[in-house]
Each structure stands twice: as C-alpha cells, then as structure tokens.
Amino acid sequence: MNSVGIVGGGIVGLALARQLSIARPGLAVTLFEKESAVGLHQTSHNSGVVHAGVYYRPGSLKATLCRRGSEMMREFCQSEGLPFDPIGKLIIATDEVDRVRLDDLGGWC
C-alpha cells in the first residue's frame, strides 16, 4: 500500500488531501497539523471572497487562474449541495486613472 503525508491542515493541505484521496482511492493519506484543529492560521483569516481576476491583466496566468478557480468553486458547491451566491462586484472609478483602467478592462469582466 502506498502512502503520503501532507504537512499543514490549511486550505491547501486539506484540498490536496481531498484530491489525492479522490484520485488515488487506495492511497493512505495522512495529514499532519500542529494545532488542535485544521484551518486555524492563514486559512481562518480568509475573507471568503472568490476572486474574479479583474485586478490582473486580461489573459494573464493570474487572471485565467482566478476565473477558472471561480468556476471550479461554483461547480464544487453545486455538486456538494452547498450554497454559492455569486453576488458580483461593483468597481467605481474615483479618478481619471481609475477610469482608464476600467476602460481597459472593457467587456472582459
């Protein structure tokens, strides 16, 4: 039997453990966490925002990954029967520089 150990029970460690368990059903996955519960550090400070990628250059890797991550989150919530409310985002230009940046986004977002 193959086994793997994952150090850290934050969002990344938990997601990795979950994905490995799904992809490799016979794999023994052990998660090592120094705290009394998972998700107590940076993960617990998460705002819960699913980023749309509007602050990154359209077509860039970061923008592409944000959009794909958002799609994956929606798909995951739907498959697990979890609520997901994509309320959107309102971005307001407060000066000419912001207006030009919003114009550059065009219909992309």
PDB file of N, CA and C in Angstrom:
ATOM      1  N   MET A   1       0.852  -1.181   0.000  1.00  0.00           N
ATOM      2  CA  MET A   1       0.000   0.000   0.000  1.00  0.00           C
ATOM      3  C   MET A   1       0.893   1.238   0.000  1.00  0.00           C
ATOM      4  N   ASN A   2       0.592   2.175  -0.856  1.00  0.00           N
ATOM      5  CA  ASN A   2       1.316   3.437  -0.910  1.00  0.00           C
ATOM      6  C   ASN A   2       0.714   4.420   0.073  1.00  0.00           C
ATOM      7  N   SER A   3       1.558   5.307   0.571  1.00  0.00           N
ATOM      8  CA  SER A   3       1.060   6.315   1.500  1.00  0.00           C
ATOM      9  C   SER A   3       1.753   7.643   1.229  1.00  0.00           C
ATOM     10  N   VAL A   4       1.115   8.700   1.663  1.00  0.00           N
ATOM     11  CA  VAL A   4       1.660  10.045   1.520  1.00  0.00           C
ATOM     12  C   VAL A   4       1.315  10.836   2.778  1.00  0.00           C
ATOM     13  N   GLY A   5       2.236  11.698   3.182  1.00  0.00           N
ATOM     14  CA  GLY A   5       1.995  12.576   4.316  1.00  0.00           C
ATOM     15  C   GLY A   5       1.947  14.016   3.840  1.00  0.00           C
ATOM     16  N   ILE A   6       1.000  14.764   4.343  1.00  0.00           N
ATOM     17  CA  ILE A   6       0.850  16.178   3.992  1.00  0.00           C
ATOM     18  C   ILE A   6       1.020  16.982   5.261  1.00  0.00           C
ATOM     19  N   VAL A   7       1.945  17.925   5.227  1.00  0.00           N
ATOM     20  CA  VAL A   7       2.211  18.763   6.392  1.00  0.00           C
ATOM     21  C   VAL A   7       1.418  20.056   6.263  1.00  0.00           C
ATOM     22  N   GLY A   8       0.513  20.277   7.195  1.00  0.00           N
ATOM     23  CA  GLY A   8      -0.262  21.512   7.230  1.00  0.00           C
ATOM     24  C   GLY A   8      -1.714  21.287   6.882  1.00  0.00           C
ATOM     25  N   GLY A   9      -2.578  21.613   7.826  1.00  0.00           N
ATOM     26  CA  GLY A   9      -4.013  21.426   7.648  1.00  0.00           C
ATOM     27  C   GLY A   9      -4.741  22.714   7.323  1.00  0.00           C
ATOM     28  N   GLY A  10      -4.125  23.535   6.470  1.00  0.00           N
ATOM     29  CA  GLY A  10      -4.814  24.723   5.967  1.00  0.00           C
ATOM     30  C   GLY A  10      -5.595  24.366   4.717  1.00  0.00           C
ATOM     31  N   ILE A  11      -6.070  25.362   4.031  1.00  0.00           N
ATOM     32  CA  ILE A  11      -6.908  25.126   2.860  1.00  0.00           C
ATOM     33  C   ILE A  11      -6.159  24.358   1.776  1.00  0.00           C
ATOM     34  N   VAL A  12      -4.879  24.643   1.596  1.00  0.00           N
ATOM     35  CA  VAL A  12      -4.107  23.956   0.559  1.00  0.00           C
ATOM     36  C   VAL A  12      -3.858  22.497   0.956  1.00  0.00           C
ATOM     37  N   GLY A  13      -3.435  22.268   2.190  1.00  0.00           N
ATOM     38  CA  GLY A  13      -3.204  20.907   2.642  1.00  0.00           C
ATOM     39  C   GLY A  13      -4.459  20.064   2.617  1.00  0.00           C
ATOM     40  N   LEU A  14      -5.565  20.630   3.050  1.00  0.00           N
ATOM     41  CA  LEU A  14      -6.836  19.903   3.042  1.00  0.00           C
ATOM     42  C   LEU A  14      -7.309  19.606   1.620  1.00  0.00           C
ATOM     43  N   ALA A  15      -7.171  20.594   0.738  1.00  0.00           N
ATOM     44  CA  ALA A  15      -7.581  20.394  -0.656  1.00  0.00           C
ATOM     45  C   ALA A  15      -6.719  19.318  -1.316  1.00  0.00           C
ATOM     46  N   LEU A  16      -5.428  19.346  -1.026  1.00  0.00           N
ATOM     47  CA  LEU A  16      -4.522  18.343  -1.585  1.00  0.00           C
ATOM     48  C   LEU A  16      -4.878  16.953  -1.074  1.00  0.00           C
ATOM     49  N   ALA A  17      -5.128  16.842   0.225  1.00  0.00           N
ATOM     50  CA  ALA A  17      -5.507  15.546   0.798  1.00  0.00           C
ATOM     51  C   ALA A  17      -6.800  15.032   0.175  1.00  0.00           C
ATOM     52  N   ARG A  18      -7.765  15.902  -0.001  1.00  0.00           N
ATOM     53  CA  ARG A  18      -9.040  15.515  -0.613  1.00  0.00           C
ATOM     54  C   ARG A  18      -8.831  15.035  -2.041  1.00  0.00           C
ATOM     55  N   GLN A  19      -8.093  15.813  -2.816  1.00  0.00           N
ATOM     56  CA  GLN A  19      -7.904  15.463  -4.224  1.00  0.00           C
ATOM     57  C   GLN A  19      -7.129  14.156  -4.380  1.00  0.00           C
ATOM     58  N   LEU A  20      -6.103  13.977  -3.558  1.00  0.00           N
ATOM     59  CA  LEU A  20      -5.353  12.717  -3.616  1.00  0.00           C
ATOM     60  C   LEU A  20      -6.238  11.528  -3.253  1.00  0.00           C
ATOM     61  N   SER A  21      -7.094  11.705  -2.256  1.00  0.00           N
ATOM     62  CA  SER A  21      -7.998  10.624  -1.846  1.00  0.00           C
ATOM     63  C   SER A  21      -8.981  10.262  -2.956  1.00  0.00           C
ATOM     64  N   ILE A  22      -9.408  11.258  -3.705  1.00  0.00           N
ATOM     65  CA  ILE A  22     -10.338  11.012  -4.815  1.00  0.00           C
ATOM     66  C   ILE A  22      -9.605  10.366  -5.991  1.00  0.00           C
ATOM     67  N   ALA A  23      -8.442  10.926  -6.326  1.00  0.00           N
ATOM     68  CA  ALA A  23      -7.706  10.454  -7.500  1.00  0.00           C
ATOM     69  C   ALA A  23      -7.060   9.091  -7.301  1.00  0.00           C
ATOM     70  N   ARG A  24      -6.681   8.786  -6.060  1.00  0.00           N
ATOM     71  CA  ARG A  24      -5.977   7.524  -5.763  1.00  0.00           C
ATOM     72  C   ARG A  24      -6.667   6.828  -4.596  1.00  0.00           C
ATOM     73  N   PRO A  25      -7.785   6.152  -4.833  1.00  0.00           N
ATOM     74  CA  PRO A  25      -8.569   5.555  -3.745  1.00  0.00           C
ATOM     75  C   PRO A  25      -7.798   4.630  -2.807  1.00  0.00           C
ATOM     76  N   GLY A  26      -6.774   3.947  -3.260  1.00  0.00           N
ATOM     77  CA  GLY A  26      -6.027   3.035  -2.396  1.00  0.00           C
ATOM     78  C   GLY A  26      -4.904   3.700  -1.626  1.00  0.00           C
ATOM     79  N   LEU A  27      -4.684   4.962  -1.860  1.00  0.00           N
ATOM     80  CA  LEU A  27      -3.591   5.701  -1.228  1.00  0.00           C
ATOM     81  C   LEU A  27      -3.939   6.055   0.213  1.00  0.00           C
ATOM     82  N   ALA A  28      -3.022   5.765   1.127  1.00  0.00           N
ATOM     83  CA  ALA A  28      -3.218   6.160   2.529  1.00  0.00           C
ATOM     84  C   ALA A  28      -2.707   7.597   2.677  1.00  0.00           C
ATOM     85  N   VAL A  29      -3.604   8.513   2.975  1.00  0.00           N
ATOM     86  CA  VAL A  29      -3.252   9.927   3.106  1.00  0.00           C
ATOM     87  C   VAL A  29      -3.290  10.311   4.581  1.00  0.00           C
ATOM     88  N   THR A  30      -2.175  10.833   5.079  1.00  0.00           N
ATOM     89  CA  THR A  30      -2.089  11.292   6.461  1.00  0.00           C
ATOM     90  C   THR A  30      -1.803  12.787   6.462  1.00  0.00           C
ATOM     91  N   LEU A  31      -2.600  13.526   7.197  1.00  0.00           N
ATOM     92  CA  LEU A  31      -2.441  14.974   7.294  1.00  0.00           C
ATOM     93  C   LEU A  31      -1.847  15.295   8.663  1.00  0.00           C
ATOM     94  N   PHE A  32      -0.741  16.021   8.659  1.00  0.00           N
ATOM     95  CA  PHE A  32      -0.088  16.412   9.901  1.00  0.00           C
ATOM     96  C   PHE A  32      -0.381  17.881  10.170  1.00  0.00           C
ATOM     97  N   GLU A  33      -0.953  18.175  11.338  1.00  0.00           N
ATOM     98  CA  GLU A  33      -1.267  19.548  11.726  1.00  0.00           C
ATOM     99  C   GLU A  33      -0.830  19.762  13.161  1.00  0.00           C
ATOM    100  N   LYS A  34      -0.081  20.826  13.412  1.00  0.00           N
ATOM    101  CA  LYS A  34       0.437  21.068  14.752  1.00  0.00           C
ATOM    102  C   LYS A  34      -0.616  21.622  15.714  1.00  0.00           C
ATOM    103  N   GLU A  35      -1.670  22.212  15.184  1.00  0.00           N
ATOM    104  CA  GLU A  35      -2.704  22.795  16.042  1.00  0.00           C
ATOM    105  C   GLU A  35      -3.747  21.744  16.425  1.00  0.00           C
ATOM    106  N   SER A  36      -4.674  22.133  17.279  1.00  0.00           N
ATOM    107  CA  SER A  36      -5.710  21.211  17.751  1.00  0.00           C
ATOM    108  C   SER A  36      -6.823  21.006  16.719  1.00  0.00           C
ATOM    109  N   ALA A  37      -6.858  21.837  15.695  1.00  0.00           N
ATOM    110  CA  ALA A  37      -7.864  21.725  14.641  1.00  0.00           C
ATOM    111  C   ALA A  37      -7.255  22.245  13.337  1.00  0.00           C
ATOM    112  N   VAL A  38      -7.898  21.932  12.242  1.00  0.00           N
ATOM    113  CA  VAL A  38      -7.403  22.401  10.950  1.00  0.00           C
ATOM    114  C   VAL A  38      -7.881  23.834  10.675  1.00  0.00           C
ATOM    115  N   GLY A  39      -7.167  24.510   9.783  1.00  0.00           N
ATOM    116  CA  GLY A  39      -7.579  25.832   9.318  1.00  0.00           C
ATOM    117  C   GLY A  39      -7.493  26.949  10.327  1.00  0.00           C
ATOM    118  N   LEU A  40      -6.570  26.884  11.267  1.00  0.00           N
ATOM    119  CA  LEU A  40      -6.514  27.901  12.315  1.00  0.00           C
ATOM    120  C   LEU A  40      -5.570  29.065  12.018  1.00  0.00           C
ATOM    121  N   HIS A  41      -4.781  28.970  10.974  1.00  0.00           N
ATOM    122  CA  HIS A  41      -3.835  30.048  10.697  1.00  0.00           C
ATOM    123  C   HIS A  41      -4.350  30.911   9.549  1.00  0.00           C
ATOM    124  N   GLN A  42      -3.586  31.065   8.482  1.00  0.00           N
ATOM    125  CA  GLN A  42      -3.967  31.964   7.394  1.00  0.00           C
ATOM    126  C   GLN A  42      -5.343  31.634   6.833  1.00  0.00           C
ATOM    127  N   THR A  43      -5.651  30.368   6.731  1.00  0.00           N
ATOM    128  CA  THR A  43      -6.945  29.954   6.200  1.00  0.00           C
ATOM    129  C   THR A  43      -8.093  30.559   7.002  1.00  0.00           C
ATOM    130  N   SER A  44      -7.930  30.689   8.310  1.00  0.00           N
ATOM    131  CA  SER A  44      -9.010  31.243   9.139  1.00  0.00           C
ATOM    132  C   SER A  44      -9.177  32.738   8.946  1.00  0.00           C
ATOM    133  N   HIS A  45      -8.216  33.383   8.291  1.00  0.00           N
ATOM    134  CA  HIS A  45      -8.306  34.825   8.046  1.00  0.00           C
ATOM    135  C   HIS A  45      -8.839  35.127   6.652  1.00  0.00           C
ATOM    136  N   ASN A  46      -9.263  34.106   5.950  1.00  0.00           N
ATOM    137  CA  ASN A  46      -9.778  34.245   4.598  1.00  0.00           C
ATOM    138  C   ASN A  46     -11.074  35.045   4.615  1.00  0.00           C
ATOM    139  N   SER A  47     -11.214  35.979   3.702  1.00  0.00           N
ATOM    140  CA  SER A  47     -12.412  36.813   3.640  1.00  0.00           C
ATOM    141  C   SER A  47     -13.591  36.085   3.012  1.00  0.00           C
ATOM    142  N   GLY A  48     -13.339  34.956   2.395  1.00  0.00           N
ATOM    143  CA  GLY A  48     -14.420  34.220   1.744  1.00  0.00           C
ATOM    144  C   GLY A  48     -14.729  34.729   0.349  1.00  0.00           C
ATOM    145  N   VAL A  49     -13.938  35.644  -0.159  1.00  0.00           N
ATOM    146  CA  VAL A  49     -14.160  36.202  -1.482  1.00  0.00           C
ATOM    147  C   VAL A  49     -13.596  35.263  -2.533  1.00  0.00           C
ATOM    148  N   VAL A  50     -14.373  35.001  -3.556  1.00  0.00           N
ATOM    149  CA  VAL A  50     -13.900  34.248  -4.712  1.00  0.00           C
ATOM    150  C   VAL A  50     -13.501  35.300  -5.744  1.00  0.00           C
ATOM    151  N   HIS A  51     -12.230  35.413  -5.985  1.00  0.00           N
ATOM    152  CA  HIS A  51     -11.713  36.493  -6.827  1.00  0.00           C
ATOM    153  C   HIS A  51     -12.012  36.271  -8.299  1.00  0.00           C
ATOM    154  N   ALA A  52     -12.423  37.352  -8.963  1.00  0.00           N
ATOM    155  CA  ALA A  52     -12.763  37.299 -10.380  1.00  0.00           C
ATOM    156  C   ALA A  52     -11.557  37.538 -11.272  1.00  0.00           C
ATOM    157  N   GLY A  53     -10.479  38.060 -10.718  1.00  0.00           N
ATOM    158  CA  GLY A  53      -9.282  38.304 -11.509  1.00  0.00           C
ATOM    159  C   GLY A  53      -9.244  39.648 -12.195  1.00  0.00           C
ATOM    160  N   VAL A  54     -10.143  40.548 -11.837  1.00  0.00           N
ATOM    161  CA  VAL A  54     -10.219  41.841 -12.529  1.00  0.00           C
ATOM    162  C   VAL A  54      -9.016  42.738 -12.270  1.00  0.00           C
ATOM    163  N   TYR A  55      -8.242  42.465 -11.249  1.00  0.00           N
ATOM    164  CA  TYR A  55      -7.092  43.310 -10.952  1.00  0.00           C
ATOM    165  C   TYR A  55      -5.826  42.848 -11.682  1.00  0.00           C
ATOM    166  N   TYR A  56      -5.960  41.779 -12.453  1.00  0.00           N
ATOM    167  CA  TYR A  56      -4.823  41.259 -13.199  1.00  0.00           C
ATOM    168  C   TYR A  56      -5.030  41.513 -14.687  1.00  0.00           C
ATOM    169  N   ARG A  57      -3.947  41.583 -15.412  1.00  0.00           N
ATOM    170  CA  ARG A  57      -4.009  41.844 -16.847  1.00  0.00           C
ATOM    171  C   ARG A  57      -4.856  40.762 -17.514  1.00  0.00           C
ATOM    172  N   PRO A  58      -5.865  41.163 -18.302  1.00  0.00           N
ATOM    173  CA  PRO A  58      -6.702  40.176 -19.002  1.00  0.00           C
ATOM    174  C   PRO A  58      -5.843  39.204 -19.809  1.00  0.00           C
ATOM    175  N   GLY A  59      -6.139  37.933 -19.673  1.00  0.00           N
ATOM    176  CA  GLY A  59      -5.405  36.901 -20.388  1.00  0.00           C
ATOM    177  C   GLY A  59      -4.154  36.418 -19.668  1.00  0.00           C
ATOM    178  N   SER A  60      -3.764  37.115 -18.581  1.00  0.00           N
ATOM    179  CA  SER A  60      -2.578  36.698 -17.834  1.00  0.00           C
ATOM    180  C   SER A  60      -2.875  35.398 -17.082  1.00  0.00           C
ATOM    181  N   LEU A  61      -1.819  34.733 -16.646  1.00  0.00           N
ATOM    182  CA  LEU A  61      -2.000  33.490 -15.905  1.00  0.00           C
ATOM    183  C   LEU A  61      -2.824  33.722 -14.644  1.00  0.00           C
ATOM    184  N   LYS A  62      -2.526  34.795 -13.903  1.00  0.00           N
ATOM    185  CA  LYS A  62      -3.282  35.067 -12.671  1.00  0.00           C
ATOM    186  C   LYS A  62      -4.761  35.279 -12.963  1.00  0.00           C
ATOM    187  N   ALA A  63      -5.063  36.064 -13.997  1.00  0.00           N
ATOM    188  CA  ALA A  63      -6.467  36.308 -14.350  1.00  0.00           C
ATOM    189  C   ALA A  63      -7.146  35.008 -14.770  1.00  0.00           C
ATOM    190  N   THR A  64      -6.461  34.214 -15.563  1.00  0.00           N
ATOM    191  CA  THR A  64      -7.012  32.945 -16.033  1.00  0.00           C
ATOM    192  C   THR A  64      -7.275  31.996 -14.871  1.00  0.00           C
ATOM    193  N   LEU A  65      -6.315  31.900 -13.939  1.00  0.00           N
ATOM    194  CA  LEU A  65      -6.490  31.008 -12.790  1.00  0.00           C
ATOM    195  C   LEU A  65      -7.603  31.487 -11.863  1.00  0.00           C
ATOM    196  N   CYS A  66      -7.741  32.803 -11.695  1.00  0.00           N
ATOM    197  CA  CYS A  66      -8.841  33.323 -10.868  1.00  0.00           C
ATOM    198  C   CYS A  66     -10.185  32.930 -11.459  1.00  0.00           C
ATOM    199  N   ARG A  67     -10.325  33.111 -12.745  1.00  0.00           N
ATOM    200  CA  ARG A  67     -11.594  32.785 -13.396  1.00  0.00           C
ATOM    201  C   ARG A  67     -11.873  31.281 -13.334  1.00  0.00           C
ATOM    202  N   ARG A  68     -10.856  30.473 -13.565  1.00  0.00           N
ATOM    203  CA  ARG A  68     -11.047  29.017 -13.509  1.00  0.00           C
ATOM    204  C   ARG A  68     -11.355  28.567 -12.082  1.00  0.00           C
ATOM    205  N   GLY A  69     -10.662  29.162 -11.108  1.00  0.00           N
ATOM    206  CA  GLY A  69     -10.932  28.837  -9.713  1.00  0.00           C
ATOM    207  C   GLY A  69     -12.350  29.176  -9.315  1.00  0.00           C
ATOM    208  N   SER A  70     -12.841  30.294  -9.812  1.00  0.00           N
ATOM    209  CA  SER A  70     -14.225  30.692  -9.536  1.00  0.00           C
ATOM    210  C   SER A  70     -15.203  29.673 -10.120  1.00  0.00           C
ATOM    211  N   GLU A  71     -14.947  29.240 -11.354  1.00  0.00           N
ATOM    212  CA  GLU A  71     -15.792  28.220 -11.983  1.00  0.00           C
ATOM    213  C   GLU A  71     -15.756  26.914 -11.190  1.00  0.00           C
ATOM    214  N   MET A  72     -14.556  26.526 -10.763  1.00  0.00           N
ATOM    215  CA  MET A  72     -14.406  25.278 -10.010  1.00  0.00           C
ATOM    216  C   MET A  72     -15.121  25.351  -8.664  1.00  0.00           C
ATOM    217  N   MET A  73     -15.069  26.518  -8.015  1.00  0.00           N
ATOM    218  CA  MET A  73     -15.764  26.683  -6.732  1.00  0.00           C
ATOM    219  C   MET A  73     -17.268  26.542  -6.931  1.00  0.00           C
ATOM    220  N   ARG A  74     -17.803  27.176  -7.967  1.00  0.00           N
ATOM    221  CA  ARG A  74     -19.235  27.076  -8.252  1.00  0.00           C
ATOM    222  C   ARG A  74     -19.620  25.618  -8.526  1.00  0.00           C
ATOM    223  N   GLU A  75     -18.816  24.926  -9.346  1.00  0.00           N
ATOM    224  CA  GLU A  75     -19.091  23.523  -9.662  1.00  0.00           C
ATOM    225  C   GLU A  75     -19.037  22.643  -8.416  1.00  0.00           C
ATOM    226  N   PHE A  76     -18.041  22.868  -7.568  1.00  0.00           N
ATOM    227  CA  PHE A  76     -17.903  22.083  -6.349  1.00  0.00           C
ATOM    228  C   PHE A  76     -19.110  22.295  -5.430  1.00  0.00           C
ATOM    229  N   CYS A  77     -19.476  23.540  -5.217  1.00  0.00           N
ATOM    230  CA  CYS A  77     -20.620  23.822  -4.342  1.00  0.00           C
ATOM    231  C   CYS A  77     -21.891  23.188  -4.880  1.00  0.00           C
ATOM    232  N   GLN A  78     -22.077  23.274  -6.194  1.00  0.00           N
ATOM    233  CA  GLN A  78     -23.262  22.678  -6.805  1.00  0.00           C
ATOM    234  C   GLN A  78     -23.263  21.162  -6.607  1.00  0.00           C
ATOM    235  N   SER A  79     -22.114  20.523  -6.826  1.00  0.00           N
ATOM    236  CA  SER A  79     -22.056  19.065  -6.708  1.00  0.00           C
ATOM    237  C   SER A  79     -22.230  18.591  -5.272  1.00  0.00           C
ATOM    238  N   GLU A  80     -21.878  19.431  -4.303  1.00  0.00           N
ATOM    239  CA  GLU A  80     -21.984  19.065  -2.892  1.00  0.00           C
ATOM    240  C   GLU A  80     -23.239  19.617  -2.223  1.00  0.00           C
ATOM    241  N   GLY A  81     -24.069  20.301  -2.990  1.00  0.00           N
ATOM    242  CA  GLY A  81     -25.306  20.865  -2.444  1.00  0.00           C
ATOM    243  C   GLY A  81     -25.061  22.016  -1.485  1.00  0.00           C
ATOM    244  N   LEU A  82     -23.980  22.750  -1.719  1.00  0.00           N
ATOM    245  CA  LEU A  82     -23.638  23.885  -0.854  1.00  0.00           C
ATOM    246  C   LEU A  82     -24.091  25.191  -1.492  1.00  0.00           C
ATOM    247  N   PRO A  83     -24.510  26.157  -0.679  1.00  0.00           N
ATOM    248  CA  PRO A  83     -24.928  27.439  -1.254  1.00  0.00           C
ATOM    249  C   PRO A  83     -23.729  28.193  -1.833  1.00  0.00           C
ATOM    250  N   PHE A  84     -23.947  28.836  -2.947  1.00  0.00           N
ATOM    251  CA  PHE A  84     -22.930  29.665  -3.590  1.00  0.00           C
ATOM    252  C   PHE A  84     -23.670  30.834  -4.207  1.00  0.00           C
ATOM    253  N   ASP A  85     -23.397  32.024  -3.732  1.00  0.00           N
ATOM    254  CA  ASP A  85     -24.131  33.206  -4.180  1.00  0.00           C
ATOM    255  C   ASP A  85     -23.181  34.173  -4.868  1.00  0.00           C
ATOM    256  N   PRO A  86     -23.077  34.081  -6.192  1.00  0.00           N
ATOM    257  CA  PRO A  86     -22.174  34.974  -6.925  1.00  0.00           C
ATOM    258  C   PRO A  86     -22.790  36.370  -7.054  1.00  0.00           C
ATOM    259  N   ILE A  87     -22.607  37.170  -6.030  1.00  0.00           N
ATOM    260  CA  ILE A  87     -23.271  38.470  -5.988  1.00  0.00           C
ATOM    261  C   ILE A  87     -22.625  39.513  -6.884  1.00  0.00           C
ATOM    262  N   GLY A  88     -21.442  39.214  -7.415  1.00  0.00           N
ATOM    263  CA  GLY A  88     -20.783  40.142  -8.321  1.00  0.00           C
ATOM    264  C   GLY A  88     -19.942  41.161  -7.589  1.00  0.00           C
ATOM    265  N   LYS A  89     -19.484  42.125  -8.348  1.00  0.00           N
ATOM    266  CA  LYS A  89     -18.602  43.138  -7.797  1.00  0.00           C
ATOM    267  C   LYS A  89     -18.865  44.440  -8.525  1.00  0.00           C
ATOM    268  N   LEU A  90     -18.935  45.486  -7.772  1.00  0.00           N
ATOM    269  CA  LEU A  90     -19.105  46.822  -8.338  1.00  0.00           C
ATOM    270  C   LEU A  90     -17.793  47.566  -8.165  1.00  0.00           C
ATOM    271  N   ILE A  91     -17.210  47.997  -9.272  1.00  0.00           N
ATOM    272  CA  ILE A  91     -15.957  48.744  -9.232  1.00  0.00           C
ATOM    273  C   ILE A  91     -16.244  50.147  -9.739  1.00  0.00           C
ATOM    274  N   ILE A  92     -15.915  51.131  -8.923  1.00  0.00           N
ATOM    275  CA  ILE A  92     -16.195  52.521  -9.258  1.00  0.00           C
ATOM    276  C   ILE A  92     -14.884  53.274  -9.423  1.00  0.00           C
ATOM    277  N   ALA A  93     -14.765  53.981 -10.525  1.00  0.00           N
ATOM    278  CA  ALA A  93     -13.588  54.821 -10.751  1.00  0.00           C
ATOM    279  C   ALA A  93     -13.737  56.103  -9.931  1.00  0.00           C
ATOM    280  N   THR A  94     -12.714  56.422  -9.170  1.00  0.00           N
ATOM    281  CA  THR A  94     -12.765  57.642  -8.346  1.00  0.00           C
ATOM    282  C   THR A  94     -11.909  58.762  -8.921  1.00  0.00           C
ATOM    283  N   ASP A  95     -11.176  58.457  -9.973  1.00  0.00           N
ATOM    284  CA  ASP A  95     -10.385  59.497 -10.636  1.00  0.00           C
ATOM    285  C   ASP A  95     -10.125  59.059 -12.080  1.00  0.00           C
ATOM    286  N   GLU A  96      -9.430  59.889 -12.826  1.00  0.00           N
ATOM    287  CA  GLU A  96      -9.182  59.616 -14.242  1.00  0.00           C
ATOM    288  C   GLU A  96      -8.326  58.358 -14.448  1.00  0.00           C
ATOM    289  N   VAL A  97      -7.366  58.141 -13.581  1.00  0.00           N
ATOM    290  CA  VAL A  97      -6.522  56.948 -13.700  1.00  0.00           C
ATOM    291  C   VAL A  97      -7.369  55.685 -13.555  1.00  0.00           C
ATOM    292  N   ASP A  98      -8.269  55.673 -12.557  1.00  0.00           N
ATOM    293  CA  ASP A  98      -9.160  54.522 -12.370  1.00  0.00           C
ATOM    294  C   ASP A  98     -10.081  54.345 -13.577  1.00  0.00           C
ATOM    295  N   ARG A  99     -10.571  55.450 -14.124  1.00  0.00           N
ATOM    296  CA  ARG A  99     -11.479  55.364 -15.275  1.00  0.00           C
ATOM    297  C   ARG A  99     -10.775  54.712 -16.462  1.00  0.00           C
ATOM    298  N   VAL A 100      -9.533  55.097 -16.702  1.00  0.00           N
ATOM    299  CA  VAL A 100      -8.767  54.500 -17.803  1.00  0.00           C
ATOM    300  C   VAL A 100      -8.558  53.013 -17.547  1.00  0.00           C
ATOM    301  N   ARG A 101      -8.246  52.643 -16.336  1.00  0.00           N
ATOM    302  CA  ARG A 101      -8.055  51.226 -16.001  1.00  0.00           C
ATOM    303  C   ARG A 101      -9.335  50.425 -16.199  1.00  0.00           C
ATOM    304  N   LEU A 102     -10.482  51.003 -15.823  1.00  0.00           N
ATOM    305  CA  LEU A 102     -11.762  50.325 -16.036  1.00  0.00           C
ATOM    306  C   LEU A 102     -12.059  50.203 -17.526  1.00  0.00           C
ATOM    307  N   ASP A 103     -11.760  51.255 -18.278  1.00  0.00           N
ATOM    308  CA  ASP A 103     -11.959  51.191 -19.724  1.00  0.00           C
ATOM    309  C   ASP A 103     -11.113  50.081 -20.334  1.00  0.00           C
ATOM    310  N   ASP A 104      -9.900  49.895 -19.817  1.00  0.00           N
ATOM    311  CA  ASP A 104      -9.011  48.847 -20.320  1.00  0.00           C
ATOM    312  C   ASP A 104      -9.577  47.455 -20.087  1.00  0.00           C
ATOM    313  N   LEU A 105     -10.373  47.309 -19.025  1.00  0.00           N
ATOM    314  CA  LEU A 105     -10.997  46.008 -18.763  1.00  0.00           C
ATOM    315  C   LEU A 105     -12.061  45.710 -19.808  1.00  0.00           C
ATOM    316  N   GLY A 106     -12.679  46.754 -20.320  1.00  0.00           N
ATOM    317  CA  GLY A 106     -13.697  46.582 -21.371  1.00  0.00           C
ATOM    318  C   GLY A 106     -14.789  45.638 -20.926  1.00  0.00           C
ATOM    319  N   GLY A 107     -15.213  44.805 -21.815  1.00  0.00           N
ATOM    320  CA  GLY A 107     -16.262  43.849 -21.508  1.00  0.00           C
ATOM    321  C   GLY A 107     -15.733  42.552 -20.939  1.00  0.00           C
ATOM    322  N   TRP A 108     -14.454  42.541 -20.549  1.00  0.00           N
ATOM    323  CA  TRP A 108     -13.821  41.312 -20.106  1.00  0.00           C
ATOM    324  C   TRP A 108     -14.417  40.764 -18.823  1.00  0.00           C
ATOM    325  N   CYS A 109     -14.807  41.640 -17.895  1.00  0.00           N
ATOM    326  CA  CYS A 109     -15.264  41.119 -16.602  1.00  0.00           C
ATOM    327  C   CYS A 109     -16.747  41.184 -16.441  1.00  0.00           C
TER     328      CYS A 109
END
